[in-house]
N, C-alpha and C. Protein backbone atom coordinates (compact mmCIF):
# COMPACT_ATOMS: atom_id res chain seq x y z
N MET A 1 1.09 -2.69 1.19
CA MET A 1 0.66 -2.57 -0.19
C MET A 1 -0.85 -2.69 -0.30
N HIS A 2 -1.46 -3.49 0.56
CA HIS A 2 -2.90 -3.70 0.48
C HIS A 2 -3.69 -2.47 0.90
N GLY A 3 -3.11 -1.63 1.74
CA GLY A 3 -3.81 -0.44 2.20
C GLY A 3 -4.92 -0.72 3.20
N VAL A 4 -4.87 -1.86 3.86
CA VAL A 4 -5.92 -2.24 4.81
C VAL A 4 -5.61 -1.64 6.18
N ARG A 5 -6.63 -1.12 6.84
CA ARG A 5 -6.46 -0.53 8.17
C ARG A 5 -5.91 -1.57 9.15
N THR A 6 -5.02 -1.11 10.03
CA THR A 6 -4.43 -1.97 11.05
C THR A 6 -5.50 -2.62 11.91
N GLU A 7 -6.56 -1.89 12.22
CA GLU A 7 -7.64 -2.43 13.04
C GLU A 7 -8.26 -3.69 12.42
N LEU A 8 -8.42 -3.69 11.10
CA LEU A 8 -8.96 -4.87 10.43
C LEU A 8 -7.97 -6.02 10.44
N LEU A 9 -6.70 -5.72 10.26
CA LEU A 9 -5.66 -6.75 10.31
C LEU A 9 -5.64 -7.42 11.68
N ILE A 10 -5.76 -6.64 12.73
CA ILE A 10 -5.80 -7.18 14.10
C ILE A 10 -7.02 -8.06 14.29
N LYS A 11 -8.18 -7.59 13.83
CA LYS A 11 -9.42 -8.39 13.94
C LYS A 11 -9.29 -9.70 13.17
N GLN A 12 -8.66 -9.65 12.01
CA GLN A 12 -8.47 -10.85 11.21
C GLN A 12 -7.61 -11.88 11.95
N ALA A 13 -6.49 -11.44 12.50
CA ALA A 13 -5.61 -12.35 13.24
C ALA A 13 -6.32 -12.93 14.47
N GLU A 14 -7.07 -12.10 15.18
CA GLU A 14 -7.79 -12.57 16.36
C GLU A 14 -8.85 -13.61 15.97
N SER A 15 -9.56 -13.37 14.89
CA SER A 15 -10.62 -14.29 14.47
C SER A 15 -10.04 -15.62 14.00
N ILE A 16 -8.88 -15.58 13.37
CA ILE A 16 -8.23 -16.82 12.92
C ILE A 16 -7.56 -17.51 14.11
N GLY A 17 -7.14 -16.72 15.10
CA GLY A 17 -6.51 -17.28 16.30
C GLY A 17 -5.01 -17.45 16.16
N ILE A 18 -4.38 -16.53 15.45
CA ILE A 18 -2.92 -16.60 15.30
C ILE A 18 -2.30 -15.32 15.85
N PRO A 19 -1.05 -15.41 16.33
CA PRO A 19 -0.39 -14.18 16.80
C PRO A 19 -0.07 -13.28 15.61
N LEU A 20 -0.04 -11.99 15.86
CA LEU A 20 0.25 -11.01 14.82
C LEU A 20 1.50 -10.23 15.21
N ASN A 21 2.50 -10.27 14.36
CA ASN A 21 3.70 -9.46 14.52
C ASN A 21 3.73 -8.45 13.39
N GLN A 22 3.63 -7.18 13.71
CA GLN A 22 3.63 -6.14 12.68
C GLN A 22 5.04 -5.62 12.46
N ILE A 23 5.40 -5.49 11.21
CA ILE A 23 6.69 -4.93 10.83
C ILE A 23 6.41 -3.60 10.15
N ARG A 24 6.88 -2.52 10.74
CA ARG A 24 6.64 -1.18 10.21
C ARG A 24 7.77 -0.78 9.27
N LEU A 25 7.38 -0.35 8.07
CA LEU A 25 8.33 0.11 7.07
C LEU A 25 8.06 1.56 6.73
N PRO A 26 9.07 2.30 6.29
CA PRO A 26 8.79 3.65 5.80
C PRO A 26 7.88 3.56 4.56
N GLU A 27 7.23 4.67 4.20
CA GLU A 27 6.24 4.62 3.12
C GLU A 27 6.81 4.10 1.80
N MET A 28 7.95 4.57 1.37
CA MET A 28 8.54 4.13 0.11
C MET A 28 10.01 3.74 0.34
N PRO A 29 10.25 2.62 1.03
CA PRO A 29 11.64 2.27 1.34
C PRO A 29 12.40 1.81 0.09
N ASP A 30 13.70 2.10 0.05
CA ASP A 30 14.51 1.49 -1.00
C ASP A 30 14.79 0.05 -0.57
N MET A 31 15.34 -0.74 -1.47
CA MET A 31 15.53 -2.17 -1.18
C MET A 31 16.51 -2.41 -0.03
N THR A 32 17.51 -1.56 0.10
CA THR A 32 18.47 -1.73 1.20
C THR A 32 17.76 -1.54 2.54
N THR A 33 16.97 -0.50 2.65
CA THR A 33 16.21 -0.24 3.88
C THR A 33 15.26 -1.39 4.16
N TYR A 34 14.52 -1.81 3.14
CA TYR A 34 13.57 -2.91 3.28
C TYR A 34 14.29 -4.17 3.77
N ASP A 35 15.38 -4.53 3.10
CA ASP A 35 16.12 -5.75 3.47
C ASP A 35 16.67 -5.68 4.90
N ASN A 36 17.18 -4.52 5.29
CA ASN A 36 17.73 -4.38 6.64
C ASN A 36 16.66 -4.54 7.72
N ILE A 37 15.50 -3.93 7.50
CA ILE A 37 14.41 -4.04 8.47
C ILE A 37 13.92 -5.49 8.54
N MET A 38 13.73 -6.11 7.39
CA MET A 38 13.26 -7.50 7.37
C MET A 38 14.28 -8.45 7.99
N ARG A 39 15.56 -8.24 7.72
CA ARG A 39 16.61 -9.09 8.28
C ARG A 39 16.57 -9.05 9.81
N LYS A 40 16.41 -7.85 10.35
CA LYS A 40 16.34 -7.68 11.81
C LYS A 40 15.18 -8.49 12.39
N HIS A 41 14.03 -8.42 11.75
CA HIS A 41 12.86 -9.15 12.24
C HIS A 41 13.00 -10.66 12.04
N LEU A 42 13.58 -11.07 10.93
CA LEU A 42 13.78 -12.51 10.70
C LEU A 42 14.75 -13.08 11.74
N GLU A 43 15.79 -12.33 12.06
CA GLU A 43 16.73 -12.78 13.09
C GLU A 43 16.03 -12.90 14.45
N HIS A 44 15.14 -11.96 14.75
CA HIS A 44 14.37 -12.04 15.99
C HIS A 44 13.52 -13.31 16.03
N PHE A 45 12.83 -13.60 14.91
CA PHE A 45 11.99 -14.81 14.85
C PHE A 45 12.85 -16.06 15.01
N LYS A 46 14.01 -16.09 14.37
CA LYS A 46 14.92 -17.23 14.48
C LYS A 46 15.34 -17.42 15.94
N ASN A 47 15.64 -16.33 16.63
CA ASN A 47 16.03 -16.40 18.04
C ASN A 47 14.88 -16.86 18.94
N GLU A 48 13.63 -16.68 18.47
CA GLU A 48 12.45 -17.14 19.20
C GLU A 48 12.16 -18.62 18.93
N GLY A 49 12.96 -19.25 18.07
CA GLY A 49 12.78 -20.67 17.79
C GLY A 49 12.01 -20.97 16.51
N ILE A 50 11.68 -19.95 15.75
CA ILE A 50 10.98 -20.17 14.48
C ILE A 50 11.99 -20.62 13.44
N THR A 51 11.63 -21.64 12.66
CA THR A 51 12.56 -22.20 11.68
C THR A 51 12.07 -22.08 10.24
N HIS A 52 10.76 -21.82 10.06
CA HIS A 52 10.19 -21.79 8.72
C HIS A 52 9.26 -20.59 8.57
N SER A 53 9.09 -20.16 7.31
CA SER A 53 8.15 -19.10 6.97
C SER A 53 7.31 -19.58 5.80
N ILE A 54 6.00 -19.40 5.91
CA ILE A 54 5.07 -19.89 4.88
C ILE A 54 4.60 -18.73 4.02
N PHE A 55 4.60 -18.95 2.70
CA PHE A 55 4.19 -17.93 1.74
C PHE A 55 3.10 -18.48 0.83
N GLY A 56 2.25 -17.59 0.34
CA GLY A 56 1.19 -17.97 -0.58
C GLY A 56 1.56 -17.76 -2.03
N ASP A 57 2.85 -17.62 -2.32
CA ASP A 57 3.28 -17.43 -3.70
C ASP A 57 2.91 -18.65 -4.54
N ILE A 58 2.59 -18.39 -5.81
CA ILE A 58 2.10 -19.46 -6.68
C ILE A 58 3.06 -19.76 -7.83
N PHE A 59 3.54 -18.70 -8.53
CA PHE A 59 4.40 -19.01 -9.67
C PHE A 59 5.48 -17.99 -10.00
N LEU A 60 5.68 -16.99 -9.21
CA LEU A 60 6.70 -15.99 -9.52
C LEU A 60 8.07 -16.45 -9.01
N GLU A 61 8.86 -17.04 -9.92
CA GLU A 61 10.17 -17.61 -9.57
C GLU A 61 11.11 -16.59 -8.96
N ASP A 62 11.16 -15.37 -9.54
CA ASP A 62 12.10 -14.37 -9.03
C ASP A 62 11.76 -13.96 -7.60
N LEU A 63 10.47 -13.87 -7.29
CA LEU A 63 10.06 -13.53 -5.93
C LEU A 63 10.39 -14.66 -4.96
N LYS A 64 10.14 -15.89 -5.36
CA LYS A 64 10.48 -17.05 -4.52
C LYS A 64 11.99 -17.10 -4.26
N ASN A 65 12.78 -16.89 -5.31
CA ASN A 65 14.24 -16.91 -5.15
C ASN A 65 14.70 -15.81 -4.20
N TYR A 66 14.10 -14.63 -4.33
CA TYR A 66 14.43 -13.51 -3.43
C TYR A 66 14.10 -13.88 -1.99
N ARG A 67 12.88 -14.39 -1.77
CA ARG A 67 12.47 -14.76 -0.41
C ARG A 67 13.42 -15.82 0.17
N ASP A 68 13.70 -16.85 -0.62
CA ASP A 68 14.56 -17.93 -0.13
C ASP A 68 15.96 -17.43 0.23
N ALA A 69 16.50 -16.52 -0.58
CA ALA A 69 17.84 -15.98 -0.29
C ALA A 69 17.83 -15.18 1.01
N ARG A 70 16.81 -14.34 1.22
CA ARG A 70 16.74 -13.54 2.45
C ARG A 70 16.51 -14.44 3.67
N LEU A 71 15.66 -15.46 3.52
CA LEU A 71 15.42 -16.39 4.63
C LEU A 71 16.70 -17.14 4.99
N ALA A 72 17.43 -17.58 3.97
CA ALA A 72 18.67 -18.34 4.21
C ALA A 72 19.68 -17.51 5.01
N GLU A 73 19.73 -16.21 4.74
CA GLU A 73 20.63 -15.33 5.49
C GLU A 73 20.33 -15.38 6.99
N ALA A 74 19.06 -15.58 7.34
CA ALA A 74 18.66 -15.63 8.75
C ALA A 74 18.57 -17.06 9.27
N GLY A 75 18.87 -18.04 8.43
CA GLY A 75 18.81 -19.44 8.86
C GLY A 75 17.41 -20.01 8.88
N LEU A 76 16.51 -19.44 8.06
CA LEU A 76 15.13 -19.91 7.98
C LEU A 76 14.88 -20.58 6.63
N THR A 77 13.80 -21.33 6.56
CA THR A 77 13.43 -22.04 5.33
C THR A 77 12.02 -21.62 4.92
N GLY A 78 11.84 -21.40 3.63
CA GLY A 78 10.53 -21.04 3.10
C GLY A 78 9.71 -22.27 2.73
N ILE A 79 8.42 -22.19 2.98
CA ILE A 79 7.47 -23.24 2.58
C ILE A 79 6.43 -22.58 1.68
N TYR A 80 6.13 -23.22 0.56
CA TYR A 80 5.22 -22.66 -0.44
C TYR A 80 4.15 -23.69 -0.79
N PRO A 81 3.10 -23.80 0.01
CA PRO A 81 2.10 -24.87 -0.20
C PRO A 81 1.28 -24.71 -1.48
N LEU A 82 1.24 -23.53 -2.06
CA LEU A 82 0.45 -23.30 -3.28
C LEU A 82 1.31 -23.32 -4.54
N TRP A 83 2.59 -23.55 -4.39
CA TRP A 83 3.54 -23.40 -5.48
C TRP A 83 3.16 -24.25 -6.70
N LYS A 84 3.08 -23.58 -7.85
CA LYS A 84 2.80 -24.17 -9.16
C LYS A 84 1.38 -24.74 -9.29
N ARG A 85 0.50 -24.39 -8.36
CA ARG A 85 -0.91 -24.79 -8.51
C ARG A 85 -1.56 -23.93 -9.57
N ASP A 86 -2.55 -24.46 -10.25
CA ASP A 86 -3.30 -23.71 -11.25
C ASP A 86 -4.15 -22.66 -10.52
N THR A 87 -4.02 -21.40 -10.91
CA THR A 87 -4.70 -20.33 -10.17
C THR A 87 -6.23 -20.39 -10.34
N ASN A 88 -6.71 -20.86 -11.49
CA ASN A 88 -8.16 -21.02 -11.65
C ASN A 88 -8.70 -22.06 -10.68
N GLU A 89 -7.97 -23.17 -10.53
CA GLU A 89 -8.37 -24.19 -9.55
C GLU A 89 -8.32 -23.64 -8.14
N LEU A 90 -7.28 -22.86 -7.84
CA LEU A 90 -7.12 -22.30 -6.49
C LEU A 90 -8.27 -21.37 -6.12
N ILE A 91 -8.63 -20.44 -7.03
CA ILE A 91 -9.70 -19.50 -6.68
C ILE A 91 -11.03 -20.22 -6.55
N ASN A 92 -11.26 -21.22 -7.38
CA ASN A 92 -12.51 -21.99 -7.27
C ASN A 92 -12.55 -22.79 -5.98
N GLU A 93 -11.42 -23.36 -5.58
CA GLU A 93 -11.35 -24.07 -4.30
C GLU A 93 -11.57 -23.11 -3.13
N PHE A 94 -10.93 -21.96 -3.19
CA PHE A 94 -11.06 -20.92 -2.17
C PHE A 94 -12.53 -20.55 -1.96
N LEU A 95 -13.23 -20.30 -3.05
CA LEU A 95 -14.64 -19.91 -2.97
C LEU A 95 -15.52 -21.08 -2.53
N SER A 96 -15.25 -22.28 -3.02
CA SER A 96 -16.08 -23.43 -2.65
C SER A 96 -15.92 -23.82 -1.18
N LEU A 97 -14.78 -23.49 -0.59
CA LEU A 97 -14.56 -23.76 0.83
C LEU A 97 -15.31 -22.76 1.72
N GLY A 98 -15.85 -21.71 1.12
CA GLY A 98 -16.63 -20.74 1.90
C GLY A 98 -15.86 -19.51 2.33
N PHE A 99 -14.70 -19.26 1.73
CA PHE A 99 -13.96 -18.04 2.04
C PHE A 99 -14.57 -16.87 1.27
N ASP A 100 -14.52 -15.71 1.88
CA ASP A 100 -14.92 -14.47 1.23
C ASP A 100 -13.80 -13.47 1.38
N THR A 101 -13.55 -12.72 0.32
CA THR A 101 -12.49 -11.72 0.32
C THR A 101 -12.92 -10.53 -0.53
N VAL A 102 -12.43 -9.37 -0.16
CA VAL A 102 -12.75 -8.14 -0.87
C VAL A 102 -11.47 -7.56 -1.48
N ILE A 103 -11.59 -6.99 -2.65
CA ILE A 103 -10.43 -6.40 -3.32
C ILE A 103 -10.17 -5.02 -2.72
N ALA A 104 -9.04 -4.90 -2.05
CA ALA A 104 -8.69 -3.67 -1.34
C ALA A 104 -7.88 -2.71 -2.20
N CYS A 105 -7.19 -3.24 -3.20
CA CYS A 105 -6.25 -2.45 -3.98
C CYS A 105 -6.14 -3.07 -5.37
N THR A 106 -6.09 -2.22 -6.41
CA THR A 106 -5.93 -2.72 -7.78
C THR A 106 -4.97 -1.85 -8.56
N GLN A 107 -4.42 -2.45 -9.60
CA GLN A 107 -3.67 -1.65 -10.56
C GLN A 107 -4.59 -0.58 -11.14
N GLU A 108 -3.99 0.47 -11.63
CA GLU A 108 -4.72 1.61 -12.17
C GLU A 108 -5.81 1.20 -13.15
N ARG A 109 -5.53 0.26 -14.02
CA ARG A 109 -6.46 -0.12 -15.10
C ARG A 109 -7.66 -0.93 -14.61
N LEU A 110 -7.64 -1.38 -13.35
CA LEU A 110 -8.70 -2.23 -12.83
C LEU A 110 -9.60 -1.53 -11.81
N GLU A 111 -9.71 -0.22 -11.93
CA GLU A 111 -10.48 0.56 -10.96
C GLU A 111 -11.87 -0.02 -10.71
N ARG A 112 -12.53 -0.54 -11.74
CA ARG A 112 -13.92 -0.99 -11.62
C ARG A 112 -14.11 -2.12 -10.60
N ILE A 113 -13.03 -2.83 -10.23
CA ILE A 113 -13.21 -3.95 -9.30
C ILE A 113 -12.76 -3.64 -7.87
N VAL A 114 -12.12 -2.48 -7.65
CA VAL A 114 -11.67 -2.17 -6.29
C VAL A 114 -12.89 -2.00 -5.38
N GLY A 115 -12.86 -2.64 -4.21
CA GLY A 115 -13.96 -2.59 -3.27
C GLY A 115 -15.00 -3.67 -3.50
N LYS A 116 -14.82 -4.49 -4.50
CA LYS A 116 -15.77 -5.57 -4.80
C LYS A 116 -15.31 -6.87 -4.15
N GLU A 117 -16.28 -7.68 -3.76
CA GLU A 117 -15.96 -9.00 -3.23
C GLU A 117 -15.74 -9.96 -4.39
N ILE A 118 -14.76 -10.84 -4.22
CA ILE A 118 -14.46 -11.81 -5.28
C ILE A 118 -15.57 -12.86 -5.32
N SER A 119 -16.05 -13.09 -6.52
CA SER A 119 -17.09 -14.09 -6.78
C SER A 119 -16.76 -14.76 -8.10
N HIS A 120 -17.48 -15.84 -8.40
CA HIS A 120 -17.28 -16.49 -9.69
C HIS A 120 -17.57 -15.52 -10.83
N GLU A 121 -18.60 -14.70 -10.67
CA GLU A 121 -18.97 -13.74 -11.71
C GLU A 121 -17.87 -12.69 -11.92
N LEU A 122 -17.31 -12.19 -10.82
CA LEU A 122 -16.24 -11.20 -10.95
C LEU A 122 -15.03 -11.82 -11.65
N ILE A 123 -14.67 -13.03 -11.26
CA ILE A 123 -13.52 -13.71 -11.87
C ILE A 123 -13.72 -13.84 -13.38
N LEU A 124 -14.92 -14.22 -13.79
CA LEU A 124 -15.20 -14.38 -15.22
C LEU A 124 -15.16 -13.06 -15.98
N SER A 125 -15.33 -11.94 -15.28
CA SER A 125 -15.34 -10.63 -15.93
C SER A 125 -13.95 -10.01 -16.07
N LEU A 126 -12.93 -10.64 -15.49
CA LEU A 126 -11.58 -10.07 -15.54
C LEU A 126 -11.01 -10.14 -16.95
N PRO A 127 -10.19 -9.16 -17.33
CA PRO A 127 -9.50 -9.24 -18.62
C PRO A 127 -8.64 -10.50 -18.70
N ASP A 128 -8.41 -10.99 -19.89
CA ASP A 128 -7.66 -12.23 -20.09
C ASP A 128 -6.25 -12.18 -19.52
N ASP A 129 -5.62 -11.00 -19.47
CA ASP A 129 -4.24 -10.91 -19.00
C ASP A 129 -4.14 -10.70 -17.48
N VAL A 130 -5.26 -10.80 -16.77
CA VAL A 130 -5.27 -10.65 -15.31
C VAL A 130 -5.36 -12.03 -14.68
N ASP A 131 -4.40 -12.35 -13.81
CA ASP A 131 -4.45 -13.63 -13.10
C ASP A 131 -5.59 -13.60 -12.09
N VAL A 132 -6.37 -14.66 -12.03
CA VAL A 132 -7.57 -14.69 -11.17
C VAL A 132 -7.24 -14.64 -9.68
N CYS A 133 -5.99 -14.93 -9.32
CA CYS A 133 -5.55 -14.80 -7.93
C CYS A 133 -4.73 -13.53 -7.71
N GLY A 134 -4.60 -12.70 -8.76
CA GLY A 134 -3.81 -11.48 -8.63
C GLY A 134 -2.33 -11.74 -8.43
N GLU A 135 -1.85 -12.88 -8.90
CA GLU A 135 -0.48 -13.31 -8.64
C GLU A 135 0.57 -12.37 -9.22
N ASN A 136 0.24 -11.64 -10.26
CA ASN A 136 1.18 -10.69 -10.85
C ASN A 136 1.05 -9.29 -10.25
N GLY A 137 0.35 -9.17 -9.13
CA GLY A 137 0.17 -7.88 -8.47
C GLY A 137 -0.96 -7.06 -9.04
N GLU A 138 -1.86 -7.68 -9.82
CA GLU A 138 -2.97 -6.96 -10.41
C GLU A 138 -3.93 -6.41 -9.35
N PHE A 139 -4.10 -7.17 -8.27
CA PHE A 139 -4.94 -6.72 -7.17
C PHE A 139 -4.51 -7.40 -5.89
N HIS A 140 -4.92 -6.80 -4.77
CA HIS A 140 -4.65 -7.35 -3.43
C HIS A 140 -5.97 -7.37 -2.67
N THR A 141 -6.11 -8.33 -1.77
CA THR A 141 -7.40 -8.56 -1.12
C THR A 141 -7.29 -8.58 0.40
N PHE A 142 -8.47 -8.57 1.01
CA PHE A 142 -8.60 -8.74 2.46
C PHE A 142 -9.64 -9.85 2.69
N ALA A 143 -9.20 -10.98 3.23
CA ALA A 143 -10.12 -12.08 3.54
C ALA A 143 -10.82 -11.78 4.85
N PHE A 144 -12.15 -11.93 4.86
CA PHE A 144 -12.91 -11.55 6.05
C PHE A 144 -13.83 -12.66 6.56
N LYS A 145 -13.90 -13.78 5.86
CA LYS A 145 -14.79 -14.85 6.28
C LYS A 145 -14.28 -16.16 5.70
N GLY A 146 -14.51 -17.24 6.44
CA GLY A 146 -14.13 -18.56 5.96
C GLY A 146 -14.04 -19.56 7.08
N PRO A 147 -13.77 -20.82 6.73
CA PRO A 147 -13.78 -21.88 7.74
C PRO A 147 -12.72 -21.74 8.84
N ILE A 148 -11.67 -20.97 8.61
CA ILE A 148 -10.66 -20.78 9.67
C ILE A 148 -10.96 -19.60 10.58
N PHE A 149 -12.00 -18.83 10.25
CA PHE A 149 -12.38 -17.67 11.05
C PHE A 149 -13.38 -18.08 12.13
N LYS A 150 -13.13 -17.63 13.37
CA LYS A 150 -14.10 -17.85 14.44
C LYS A 150 -15.36 -17.05 14.18
N LYS A 151 -15.18 -15.84 13.63
CA LYS A 151 -16.32 -15.02 13.26
C LYS A 151 -15.93 -14.14 12.08
N GLU A 152 -16.93 -13.78 11.30
CA GLU A 152 -16.72 -12.93 10.13
C GLU A 152 -16.26 -11.54 10.57
N ILE A 153 -15.35 -10.95 9.81
CA ILE A 153 -14.91 -9.58 10.06
C ILE A 153 -15.84 -8.66 9.29
N LYS A 154 -16.64 -7.91 9.99
CA LYS A 154 -17.59 -7.00 9.36
C LYS A 154 -16.87 -5.72 8.92
N TYR A 155 -17.19 -5.27 7.72
CA TYR A 155 -16.59 -4.06 7.18
C TYR A 155 -17.60 -3.37 6.27
N LYS A 156 -17.32 -2.12 5.97
CA LYS A 156 -18.06 -1.42 4.92
C LYS A 156 -17.03 -0.72 4.05
N THR A 157 -17.40 -0.46 2.81
CA THR A 157 -16.46 0.21 1.92
C THR A 157 -16.58 1.71 2.08
N GLY A 158 -15.43 2.35 2.07
CA GLY A 158 -15.38 3.80 2.18
C GLY A 158 -14.89 4.42 0.87
N GLU A 159 -14.13 5.47 1.02
CA GLU A 159 -13.65 6.25 -0.11
C GLU A 159 -12.67 5.45 -0.98
N LYS A 160 -12.74 5.66 -2.28
CA LYS A 160 -11.74 5.13 -3.20
C LYS A 160 -10.71 6.22 -3.47
N VAL A 161 -9.45 5.84 -3.39
CA VAL A 161 -8.36 6.80 -3.56
C VAL A 161 -7.36 6.24 -4.56
N PHE A 162 -6.86 7.10 -5.44
CA PHE A 162 -5.81 6.71 -6.38
C PHE A 162 -4.49 7.27 -5.90
N LYS A 163 -3.47 6.42 -5.82
CA LYS A 163 -2.14 6.86 -5.40
C LYS A 163 -1.15 6.57 -6.52
N GLU A 164 -0.37 7.59 -6.86
CA GLU A 164 0.64 7.42 -7.90
C GLU A 164 1.98 7.10 -7.27
N TYR A 165 2.73 6.27 -7.98
CA TYR A 165 4.07 5.88 -7.54
C TYR A 165 5.01 6.01 -8.72
N LYS A 166 6.28 6.13 -8.43
CA LYS A 166 7.27 6.16 -9.50
C LYS A 166 7.13 4.87 -10.30
N ALA A 167 7.11 4.99 -11.60
CA ALA A 167 6.93 3.82 -12.47
C ALA A 167 8.10 2.85 -12.30
N PRO A 168 7.82 1.55 -12.34
CA PRO A 168 8.89 0.56 -12.24
C PRO A 168 9.90 0.72 -13.36
N GLN A 169 11.14 0.39 -13.08
CA GLN A 169 12.20 0.47 -14.09
C GLN A 169 12.11 -0.67 -15.09
N ASN A 170 11.53 -1.79 -14.67
CA ASN A 170 11.42 -2.97 -15.51
C ASN A 170 10.22 -2.80 -16.45
N THR A 171 10.46 -2.74 -17.74
CA THR A 171 9.37 -2.54 -18.69
C THR A 171 8.48 -3.75 -18.82
N ASN A 172 8.87 -4.88 -18.24
CA ASN A 172 8.03 -6.08 -18.24
C ASN A 172 7.05 -6.09 -17.08
N ASP A 173 7.14 -5.10 -16.19
CA ASP A 173 6.28 -5.04 -15.02
C ASP A 173 4.83 -4.85 -15.47
N THR A 174 3.93 -5.67 -14.94
CA THR A 174 2.52 -5.61 -15.35
C THR A 174 1.74 -4.52 -14.63
N CYS A 175 2.37 -3.79 -13.73
CA CYS A 175 1.65 -2.76 -12.99
C CYS A 175 1.28 -1.57 -13.88
N ILE A 176 1.98 -1.42 -14.98
CA ILE A 176 1.64 -0.35 -15.89
C ILE A 176 1.52 -0.91 -17.30
N THR A 177 0.63 -0.34 -18.07
CA THR A 177 0.48 -0.79 -19.45
C THR A 177 1.15 0.17 -20.42
N ASP A 178 1.38 1.39 -20.00
CA ASP A 178 2.04 2.37 -20.84
C ASP A 178 3.42 2.63 -20.26
N THR A 179 4.45 2.02 -20.86
CA THR A 179 5.80 2.11 -20.29
C THR A 179 6.45 3.47 -20.52
N THR A 180 5.77 4.37 -21.23
CA THR A 180 6.31 5.72 -21.40
C THR A 180 5.96 6.61 -20.21
N LYS A 181 5.06 6.15 -19.34
CA LYS A 181 4.66 6.93 -18.18
C LYS A 181 5.76 6.97 -17.14
N LYS A 182 5.90 8.12 -16.50
CA LYS A 182 6.88 8.24 -15.43
C LYS A 182 6.28 7.83 -14.09
N LEU A 183 4.94 7.82 -14.01
CA LEU A 183 4.23 7.42 -12.80
C LEU A 183 3.26 6.30 -13.13
N SER A 184 3.04 5.44 -12.18
CA SER A 184 1.97 4.45 -12.28
C SER A 184 1.22 4.53 -10.97
N GLY A 185 0.14 3.81 -10.87
CA GLY A 185 -0.60 3.94 -9.63
C GLY A 185 -1.54 2.79 -9.34
N PHE A 186 -2.13 2.87 -8.17
CA PHE A 186 -3.06 1.87 -7.69
C PHE A 186 -4.29 2.56 -7.11
N TRP A 187 -5.43 1.93 -7.29
CA TRP A 187 -6.67 2.35 -6.64
C TRP A 187 -6.80 1.61 -5.32
N TYR A 188 -7.16 2.32 -4.29
CA TYR A 188 -7.37 1.75 -2.96
C TYR A 188 -8.80 2.03 -2.54
N CYS A 189 -9.44 1.03 -1.94
CA CYS A 189 -10.75 1.24 -1.35
C CYS A 189 -10.58 1.15 0.16
N ASP A 190 -10.97 2.19 0.86
CA ASP A 190 -10.87 2.18 2.31
C ASP A 190 -11.89 1.19 2.85
N LEU A 191 -11.42 0.18 3.54
CA LEU A 191 -12.28 -0.80 4.20
C LEU A 191 -12.40 -0.37 5.66
N ILE A 192 -13.62 -0.08 6.07
CA ILE A 192 -13.88 0.49 7.39
C ILE A 192 -14.52 -0.56 8.29
N PRO A 193 -13.95 -0.81 9.48
CA PRO A 193 -14.59 -1.77 10.39
C PRO A 193 -16.03 -1.38 10.66
N ALA A 194 -16.92 -2.37 10.62
CA ALA A 194 -18.35 -2.09 10.83
C ALA A 194 -18.80 -2.67 12.16
């Protein structure tokens, strides 16, 4: 969903010093396909002795319930260290600790911020209905610097591309503001290793 190049993801994992297991999905999988692929990988991790999975979810109950149900099927337990934290406090803590992140993908209406690094000024400029951590899917980021990184991941911004997707069936979905549209979309900024 983030649209970040695999090369940058690998560099990120290497700099943090954690193993990287990539799970390849078809471009637009249905939920059955998605669940089957994820179940296979979760069972593999369980067989390797892994017992828990950590998520950065903050307040989306339906997503947490979905994750917990899928993990339980594989005999794993979810851990949510950020659960129910105030997102304004979280982003301020994130920035004060010295982390840097760039917005790799945004909802259609937020084109002006795609490719920008998150800062206090950018956060203050967001519309009132946008969560400062992007918890409702308003934007997705790529962290490239911080205290857990051995070295900063250098990148430059490339082309911005808009991709349309079939509009969500749920009219409460925040990805689109006009529920009469048959398509919705996201802006992606190509982050190029430098």
